[in-house]
């Protein structure tokens, strides 16, 4: 089993699988409503020059998240 890391630590063009969304996250419900739930596969497709926001490819659509939202998403590399 690989070690889970925060989504903000993932490099560009990297495919990952969601392990969990932090229970204490203030935006947990919103993140899950957007389709980011356990075992979802996603790809980090872009980052702004200062690293905020992060662009993701999830379930056939593109999604942008701020760093403070993405830090609560734990993933493992595929």
PDB file of N, CA and C in Angstrom:
ATOM      1  N   UNK A   1       0.838  -1.186   0.000  1.00  0.00           N
ATOM      2  CA  UNK A   1       0.000   0.000   0.000  1.00  0.00           C
ATOM      3  C   UNK A   1       0.878   1.243   0.000  1.00  0.00           C
ATOM      4  N   UNK A   2       0.544   2.200  -0.854  1.00  0.00           N
ATOM      5  CA  UNK A   2       1.328   3.418  -0.917  1.00  0.00           C
ATOM      6  C   UNK A   2       0.856   4.417   0.129  1.00  0.00           C
ATOM      7  N   UNK A   3       1.728   5.353   0.422  1.00  0.00           N
ATOM      8  CA  UNK A   3       1.427   6.367   1.425  1.00  0.00           C
ATOM      9  C   UNK A   3       0.511   7.436   0.826  1.00  0.00           C
ATOM     10  N   UNK A   4      -0.499   7.833   1.553  1.00  0.00           N
ATOM     11  CA  UNK A   4      -1.411   8.883   1.106  1.00  0.00           C
ATOM     12  C   UNK A   4      -0.749  10.245   1.274  1.00  0.00           C
ATOM     13  N   UNK A   5      -0.927  11.104   0.263  1.00  0.00           N
ATOM     14  CA  UNK A   5      -0.406  12.460   0.304  1.00  0.00           C
ATOM     15  C   UNK A   5      -1.535  13.433   0.002  1.00  0.00           C
ATOM     16  N   UNK A   6      -1.310  14.684   0.326  1.00  0.00           N
ATOM     17  CA  UNK A   6      -2.299  15.713   0.039  1.00  0.00           C
ATOM     18  C   UNK A   6      -2.288  16.032  -1.457  1.00  0.00           C
ATOM     19  N   UNK A   7      -3.418  16.392  -2.003  1.00  0.00           N
ATOM     20  CA  UNK A   7      -3.531  16.701  -3.429  1.00  0.00           C
ATOM     21  C   UNK A   7      -2.621  17.857  -3.841  1.00  0.00           C
ATOM     22  N   UNK A   8      -2.331  18.784  -2.946  1.00  0.00           N
ATOM     23  CA  UNK A   8      -1.479  19.920  -3.308  1.00  0.00           C
ATOM     24  C   UNK A   8      -0.021  19.516  -3.522  1.00  0.00           C
ATOM     25  N   UNK A   9       0.361  18.313  -3.094  1.00  0.00           N
ATOM     26  CA  UNK A   9       1.729  17.824  -3.271  1.00  0.00           C
ATOM     27  C   UNK A   9       1.938  17.089  -4.588  1.00  0.00           C
ATOM     28  N   UNK A  10       0.875  16.844  -5.331  1.00  0.00           N
ATOM     29  CA  UNK A  10       0.942  16.060  -6.562  1.00  0.00           C
ATOM     30  C   UNK A  10       1.489  16.918  -7.709  1.00  0.00           C
ATOM     31  N   UNK A  11       2.377  16.325  -8.509  1.00  0.00           N
ATOM     32  CA  UNK A  11       2.963  17.013  -9.662  1.00  0.00           C
ATOM     33  C   UNK A  11       1.978  17.055 -10.832  1.00  0.00           C
ATOM     34  N   UNK A  12       2.232  17.933 -11.780  1.00  0.00           N
ATOM     35  CA  UNK A  12       1.414  18.053 -12.984  1.00  0.00           C
ATOM     36  C   UNK A  12       1.383  16.751 -13.778  1.00  0.00           C
ATOM     37  N   UNK A  13       0.273  16.498 -14.448  1.00  0.00           N
ATOM     38  CA  UNK A  13       0.064  15.332 -15.318  1.00  0.00           C
ATOM     39  C   UNK A  13       0.145  14.000 -14.570  1.00  0.00           C
ATOM     40  N   UNK A  14      -0.053  14.021 -13.283  1.00  0.00           N
ATOM     41  CA  UNK A  14       0.013  12.814 -12.467  1.00  0.00           C
ATOM     42  C   UNK A  14      -1.391  12.291 -12.200  1.00  0.00           C
ATOM     43  N   UNK A  15      -1.566  10.989 -12.387  1.00  0.00           N
ATOM     44  CA  UNK A  15      -2.850  10.341 -12.144  1.00  0.00           C
ATOM     45  C   UNK A  15      -2.853   9.803 -10.714  1.00  0.00           C
ATOM     46  N   UNK A  16      -3.918  10.114  -9.992  1.00  0.00           N
ATOM     47  CA  UNK A  16      -4.021   9.702  -8.589  1.00  0.00           C
ATOM     48  C   UNK A  16      -5.417   9.164  -8.295  1.00  0.00           C
ATOM     49  N   UNK A  17      -5.522   8.467  -7.161  1.00  0.00           N
ATOM     50  CA  UNK A  17      -6.806   7.944  -6.685  1.00  0.00           C
ATOM     51  C   UNK A  17      -7.078   8.540  -5.316  1.00  0.00           C
ATOM     52  N   UNK A  18      -8.303   9.006  -5.107  1.00  0.00           N
ATOM     53  CA  UNK A  18      -8.690   9.618  -3.839  1.00  0.00           C
ATOM     54  C   UNK A  18      -8.786   8.541  -2.761  1.00  0.00           C
ATOM     55  N   UNK A  19      -8.111   8.790  -1.644  1.00  0.00           N
ATOM     56  CA  UNK A  19      -8.155   7.889  -0.496  1.00  0.00           C
ATOM     57  C   UNK A  19      -9.232   8.353   0.484  1.00  0.00           C
ATOM     58  N   UNK A  20      -9.268   9.670   0.733  1.00  0.00           N
ATOM     59  CA  UNK A  20     -10.284  10.225   1.629  1.00  0.00           C
ATOM     60  C   UNK A  20     -10.341  11.741   1.497  1.00  0.00           C
ATOM     61  N   UNK A  21     -11.463  12.295   1.932  1.00  0.00           N
ATOM     62  CA  UNK A  21     -11.613  13.739   2.073  1.00  0.00           C
ATOM     63  C   UNK A  21     -11.706  13.971   3.574  1.00  0.00           C
ATOM     64  N   UNK A  22     -10.851  14.825   4.102  1.00  0.00           N
ATOM     65  CA  UNK A  22     -10.755  15.031   5.556  1.00  0.00           C
ATOM     66  C   UNK A  22     -12.117  15.346   6.183  1.00  0.00           C
ATOM     67  N   UNK A  23     -12.420  14.660   7.267  1.00  0.00           N
ATOM     68  CA  UNK A  23     -13.694  14.859   7.961  1.00  0.00           C
ATOM     69  C   UNK A  23     -13.854  16.270   8.511  1.00  0.00           C
ATOM     70  N   UNK A  24     -12.743  16.885   8.914  1.00  0.00           N
ATOM     71  CA  UNK A  24     -12.819  18.216   9.521  1.00  0.00           C
ATOM     72  C   UNK A  24     -12.830  19.348   8.490  1.00  0.00           C
ATOM     73  N   UNK A  25     -12.791  19.004   7.200  1.00  0.00           N
ATOM     74  CA  UNK A  25     -12.783  20.008   6.140  1.00  0.00           C
ATOM     75  C   UNK A  25     -14.082  20.805   6.122  1.00  0.00           C
ATOM     76  N   UNK A  26     -13.959  22.121   5.992  1.00  0.00           N
ATOM     77  CA  UNK A  26     -15.137  22.981   5.937  1.00  0.00           C
ATOM     78  C   UNK A  26     -15.857  22.887   4.597  1.00  0.00           C
ATOM     79  N   UNK A  27     -15.168  22.394   3.567  1.00  0.00           N
ATOM     80  CA  UNK A  27     -15.763  22.291   2.228  1.00  0.00           C
ATOM     81  C   UNK A  27     -15.955  20.827   1.809  1.00  0.00           C
ATOM     82  N   UNK A  28     -15.929  19.912   2.758  1.00  0.00           N
ATOM     83  CA  UNK A  28     -16.031  18.475   2.466  1.00  0.00           C
ATOM     84  C   UNK A  28     -17.283  18.140   1.655  1.00  0.00           C
ATOM     85  N   UNK A  29     -18.420  18.638   2.072  1.00  0.00           N
ATOM     86  CA  UNK A  29     -19.686  18.342   1.390  1.00  0.00           C
ATOM     87  C   UNK A  29     -19.643  18.855  -0.056  1.00  0.00           C
ATOM     88  N   UNK A  30     -19.131  20.058  -0.236  1.00  0.00           N
ATOM     89  CA  UNK A  30     -19.045  20.653  -1.570  1.00  0.00           C
ATOM     90  C   UNK A  30     -18.118  19.844  -2.475  1.00  0.00           C
ATOM     91  N   UNK A  31     -16.982  19.423  -1.939  1.00  0.00           N
ATOM     92  CA  UNK A  31     -16.024  18.619  -2.704  1.00  0.00           C
ATOM     93  C   UNK A  31     -16.666  17.300  -3.125  1.00  0.00           C
ATOM     94  N   UNK A  32     -17.363  16.668  -2.215  1.00  0.00           N
ATOM     95  CA  UNK A  32     -18.008  15.399  -2.521  1.00  0.00           C
ATOM     96  C   UNK A  32     -19.148  15.580  -3.530  1.00  0.00           C
ATOM     97  N   UNK A  33     -19.864  16.679  -3.459  1.00  0.00           N
ATOM     98  CA  UNK A  33     -20.931  16.967  -4.420  1.00  0.00           C
ATOM     99  C   UNK A  33     -20.377  17.157  -5.833  1.00  0.00           C
ATOM    100  N   UNK A  34     -19.126  17.561  -5.942  1.00  0.00           N
ATOM    101  CA  UNK A  34     -18.486  17.745  -7.247  1.00  0.00           C
ATOM    102  C   UNK A  34     -17.941  16.431  -7.806  1.00  0.00           C
ATOM    103  N   UNK A  35     -18.112  15.329  -7.080  1.00  0.00           N
ATOM    104  CA  UNK A  35     -17.708  14.026  -7.588  1.00  0.00           C
ATOM    105  C   UNK A  35     -16.381  13.522  -7.075  1.00  0.00           C
ATOM    106  N   UNK A  36     -15.777  14.228  -6.145  1.00  0.00           N
ATOM    107  CA  UNK A  36     -14.499  13.784  -5.589  1.00  0.00           C
ATOM    108  C   UNK A  36     -14.793  13.001  -4.309  1.00  0.00           C
ATOM    109  N   UNK A  37     -14.918  11.690  -4.475  1.00  0.00           N
ATOM    110  CA  UNK A  37     -15.194  10.792  -3.360  1.00  0.00           C
ATOM    111  C   UNK A  37     -14.138   9.689  -3.355  1.00  0.00           C
ATOM    112  N   UNK A  38     -14.154   8.858  -2.336  1.00  0.00           N
ATOM    113  CA  UNK A  38     -13.179   7.774  -2.205  1.00  0.00           C
ATOM    114  C   UNK A  38     -13.140   6.912  -3.474  1.00  0.00           C
ATOM    115  N   UNK A  39     -11.925   6.561  -3.896  1.00  0.00           N
ATOM    116  CA  UNK A  39     -11.638   5.718  -5.066  1.00  0.00           C
ATOM    117  C   UNK A  39     -11.851   6.408  -6.416  1.00  0.00           C
ATOM    118  N   UNK A  40     -12.131   7.701  -6.424  1.00  0.00           N
ATOM    119  CA  UNK A  40     -12.244   8.434  -7.683  1.00  0.00           C
ATOM    120  C   UNK A  40     -10.855   8.670  -8.253  1.00  0.00           C
ATOM    121  N   UNK A  41     -10.701   8.449  -9.558  1.00  0.00           N
ATOM    122  CA  UNK A  41      -9.440   8.704 -10.232  1.00  0.00           C
ATOM    123  C   UNK A  41      -9.473  10.124 -10.789  1.00  0.00           C
ATOM    124  N   UNK A  42      -8.388  10.853 -10.601  1.00  0.00           N
ATOM    125  CA  UNK A  42      -8.287  12.193 -11.158  1.00  0.00           C
ATOM    126  C   UNK A  42      -6.870  12.475 -11.601  1.00  0.00           C
ATOM    127  N   UNK A  43      -6.730  13.508 -12.457  1.00  0.00           N
ATOM    128  CA  UNK A  43      -5.425  13.900 -12.987  1.00  0.00           C
ATOM    129  C   UNK A  43      -5.239  15.385 -12.730  1.00  0.00           C
ATOM    130  N   UNK A  44      -4.081  15.764 -12.209  1.00  0.00           N
ATOM    131  CA  UNK A  44      -3.745  17.174 -12.033  1.00  0.00           C
ATOM    132  C   UNK A  44      -3.292  17.683 -13.397  1.00  0.00           C
ATOM    133  N   UNK A  45      -4.111  18.531 -14.031  1.00  0.00           N
ATOM    134  CA  UNK A  45      -3.825  18.984 -15.393  1.00  0.00           C
ATOM    135  C   UNK A  45      -3.180  20.358 -15.450  1.00  0.00           C
ATOM    136  N   UNK A  46      -3.226  21.115 -14.365  1.00  0.00           N
ATOM    137  CA  UNK A  46      -2.601  22.431 -14.388  1.00  0.00           C
ATOM    138  C   UNK A  46      -2.530  23.071 -13.021  1.00  0.00           C
ATOM    139  N   UNK A  47      -1.608  24.012 -12.920  1.00  0.00           N
ATOM    140  CA  UNK A  47      -1.482  24.816 -11.704  1.00  0.00           C
ATOM    141  C   UNK A  47      -1.172  26.238 -12.129  1.00  0.00           C
ATOM    142  N   UNK A  48      -1.731  27.193 -11.424  1.00  0.00           N
ATOM    143  CA  UNK A  48      -1.438  28.599 -11.697  1.00  0.00           C
ATOM    144  C   UNK A  48       0.022  28.880 -11.336  1.00  0.00           C
ATOM    145  N   UNK A  49       0.595  29.961 -11.856  1.00  0.00           N
ATOM    146  CA  UNK A  49       2.006  30.255 -11.588  1.00  0.00           C
ATOM    147  C   UNK A  49       2.403  30.244 -10.107  1.00  0.00           C
ATOM    148  N   UNK A  50       1.537  30.701  -9.246  1.00  0.00           N
ATOM    149  CA  UNK A  50       1.836  30.685  -7.811  1.00  0.00           C
ATOM    150  C   UNK A  50       1.292  29.421  -7.138  1.00  0.00           C
ATOM    151  N   UNK A  51       0.764  28.476  -7.926  1.00  0.00           N
ATOM    152  CA  UNK A  51       0.280  27.209  -7.394  1.00  0.00           C
ATOM    153  C   UNK A  51      -1.160  27.218  -6.918  1.00  0.00           C
ATOM    154  N   UNK A  52      -1.856  28.330  -7.090  1.00  0.00           N
ATOM    155  CA  UNK A  52      -3.230  28.433  -6.612  1.00  0.00           C
ATOM    156  C   UNK A  52      -4.064  29.163  -7.647  1.00  0.00           C
ATOM    157  N   UNK A  53      -5.039  28.576  -8.272  1.00  0.00           N
ATOM    158  CA  UNK A  53      -5.684  27.290  -8.005  1.00  0.00           C
ATOM    159  C   UNK A  53      -5.022  26.120  -8.739  1.00  0.00           C
ATOM    160  N   UNK A  54      -5.554  24.941  -8.486  1.00  0.00           N
ATOM    161  CA  UNK A  54      -5.104  23.699  -9.123  1.00  0.00           C
ATOM    162  C   UNK A  54      -6.223  23.232 -10.051  1.00  0.00           C
ATOM    163  N   UNK A  55      -5.861  22.840 -11.272  1.00  0.00           N
ATOM    164  CA  UNK A  55      -6.852  22.349 -12.232  1.00  0.00           C
ATOM    165  C   UNK A  55      -6.804  20.823 -12.276  1.00  0.00           C
ATOM    166  N   UNK A  56      -7.982  20.202 -12.191  1.00  0.00           N
ATOM    167  CA  UNK A  56      -8.087  18.744 -12.160  1.00  0.00           C
ATOM    168  C   UNK A  56      -9.002  18.249 -13.269  1.00  0.00           C
ATOM    169  N   UNK A  57      -8.735  17.044 -13.744  1.00  0.00           N
ATOM    170  CA  UNK A  57      -9.650  16.359 -14.640  1.00  0.00           C
ATOM    171  C   UNK A  57     -10.309  15.258 -13.823  1.00  0.00           C
ATOM    172  N   UNK A  58     -11.638  15.369 -13.635  1.00  0.00           N
ATOM    173  CA  UNK A  58     -12.382  14.449 -12.779  1.00  0.00           C
ATOM    174  C   UNK A  58     -13.648  14.003 -13.505  1.00  0.00           C
ATOM    175  N   UNK A  59     -13.821  12.699 -13.671  1.00  0.00           N
ATOM    176  CA  UNK A  59     -15.058  12.150 -14.229  1.00  0.00           C
ATOM    177  C   UNK A  59     -15.483  12.815 -15.537  1.00  0.00           C
ATOM    178  N   UNK A  60     -14.529  13.157 -16.388  1.00  0.00           N
ATOM    179  CA  UNK A  60     -14.850  13.710 -17.694  1.00  0.00           C
ATOM    180  C   UNK A  60     -15.041  15.218 -17.748  1.00  0.00           C
ATOM    181  N   UNK A  61     -14.783  15.915 -16.660  1.00  0.00           N
ATOM    182  CA  UNK A  61     -14.865  17.373 -16.697  1.00  0.00           C
ATOM    183  C   UNK A  61     -13.651  17.987 -15.995  1.00  0.00           C
ATOM    184  N   UNK A  62     -13.452  19.282 -16.219  1.00  0.00           N
ATOM    185  CA  UNK A  62     -12.335  20.000 -15.626  1.00  0.00           C
ATOM    186  C   UNK A  62     -12.837  20.799 -14.428  1.00  0.00           C
ATOM    187  N   UNK A  63     -12.064  20.744 -13.359  1.00  0.00           N
ATOM    188  CA  UNK A  63     -12.441  21.390 -12.104  1.00  0.00           C
ATOM    189  C   UNK A  63     -11.236  22.136 -11.549  1.00  0.00           C
ATOM    190  N   UNK A  64     -11.464  23.326 -11.030  1.00  0.00           N
ATOM    191  CA  UNK A  64     -10.398  24.085 -10.372  1.00  0.00           C
ATOM    192  C   UNK A  64     -10.705  24.191  -8.889  1.00  0.00           C
ATOM    193  N   UNK A  65      -9.682  23.934  -8.078  1.00  0.00           N
ATOM    194  CA  UNK A  65      -9.810  24.039  -6.623  1.00  0.00           C
ATOM    195  C   UNK A  65      -8.705  24.922  -6.076  1.00  0.00           C
ATOM    196  N   UNK A  66      -9.009  25.670  -5.063  1.00  0.00           N
ATOM    197  CA  UNK A  66      -7.988  26.455  -4.366  1.00  0.00           C
ATOM    198  C   UNK A  66      -7.147  25.524  -3.498  1.00  0.00           C
ATOM    199  N   UNK A  67      -5.954  25.976  -3.157  1.00  0.00           N
ATOM    200  CA  UNK A  67      -5.062  25.162  -2.327  1.00  0.00           C
ATOM    201  C   UNK A  67      -5.698  24.798  -0.992  1.00  0.00           C
ATOM    202  N   UNK A  68      -6.388  25.749  -0.371  1.00  0.00           N
ATOM    203  CA  UNK A  68      -6.976  25.462   0.944  1.00  0.00           C
ATOM    204  C   UNK A  68      -8.102  24.434   0.862  1.00  0.00           C
ATOM    205  N   UNK A  69      -8.691  24.230  -0.317  1.00  0.00           N
ATOM    206  CA  UNK A  69      -9.686  23.175  -0.509  1.00  0.00           C
ATOM    207  C   UNK A  69      -8.990  21.850  -0.849  1.00  0.00           C
ATOM    208  N   UNK A  70      -7.983  21.913  -1.721  1.00  0.00           N
ATOM    209  CA  UNK A  70      -7.280  20.713  -2.190  1.00  0.00           C
ATOM    210  C   UNK A  70      -6.447  20.053  -1.091  1.00  0.00           C
ATOM    211  N   UNK A  71      -6.012  20.812  -0.098  1.00  0.00           N
ATOM    212  CA  UNK A  71      -5.163  20.242   0.961  1.00  0.00           C
ATOM    213  C   UNK A  71      -5.899  19.181   1.781  1.00  0.00           C
ATOM    214  N   UNK A  72      -7.219  19.226   1.786  1.00  0.00           N
ATOM    215  CA  UNK A  72      -8.020  18.274   2.550  1.00  0.00           C
ATOM    216  C   UNK A  72      -8.311  16.977   1.803  1.00  0.00           C
ATOM    217  N   UNK A  73      -7.860  16.879   0.558  1.00  0.00           N
ATOM    218  CA  UNK A  73      -8.081  15.680  -0.246  1.00  0.00           C
ATOM    219  C   UNK A  73      -6.818  14.840  -0.221  1.00  0.00           C
ATOM    220  N   UNK A  74      -6.910  13.651   0.359  1.00  0.00           N
ATOM    221  CA  UNK A  74      -5.767  12.749   0.450  1.00  0.00           C
ATOM    222  C   UNK A  74      -5.833  11.760  -0.705  1.00  0.00           C
ATOM    223  N   UNK A  75      -4.697  11.582  -1.404  1.00  0.00           N
ATOM    224  CA  UNK A  75      -4.654  10.729  -2.593  1.00  0.00           C
ATOM    225  C   UNK A  75      -3.463   9.787  -2.541  1.00  0.00           C
ATOM    226  N   UNK A  76      -3.487   8.789  -3.418  1.00  0.00           N
ATOM    227  CA  UNK A  76      -2.319   7.923  -3.603  1.00  0.00           C
ATOM    228  C   UNK A  76      -2.028   7.863  -5.097  1.00  0.00           C
ATOM    229  N   UNK A  77      -0.754   7.769  -5.437  1.00  0.00           N
ATOM    230  CA  UNK A  77      -0.338   7.720  -6.830  1.00  0.00           C
ATOM    231  C   UNK A  77      -0.752   6.403  -7.467  1.00  0.00           C
ATOM    232  N   UNK A  78      -1.092   6.456  -8.741  1.00  0.00           N
ATOM    233  CA  UNK A  78      -1.455   5.246  -9.479  1.00  0.00           C
ATOM    234  C   UNK A  78      -0.305   4.883 -10.391  1.00  0.00           C
TER     235      UNK A  78
END
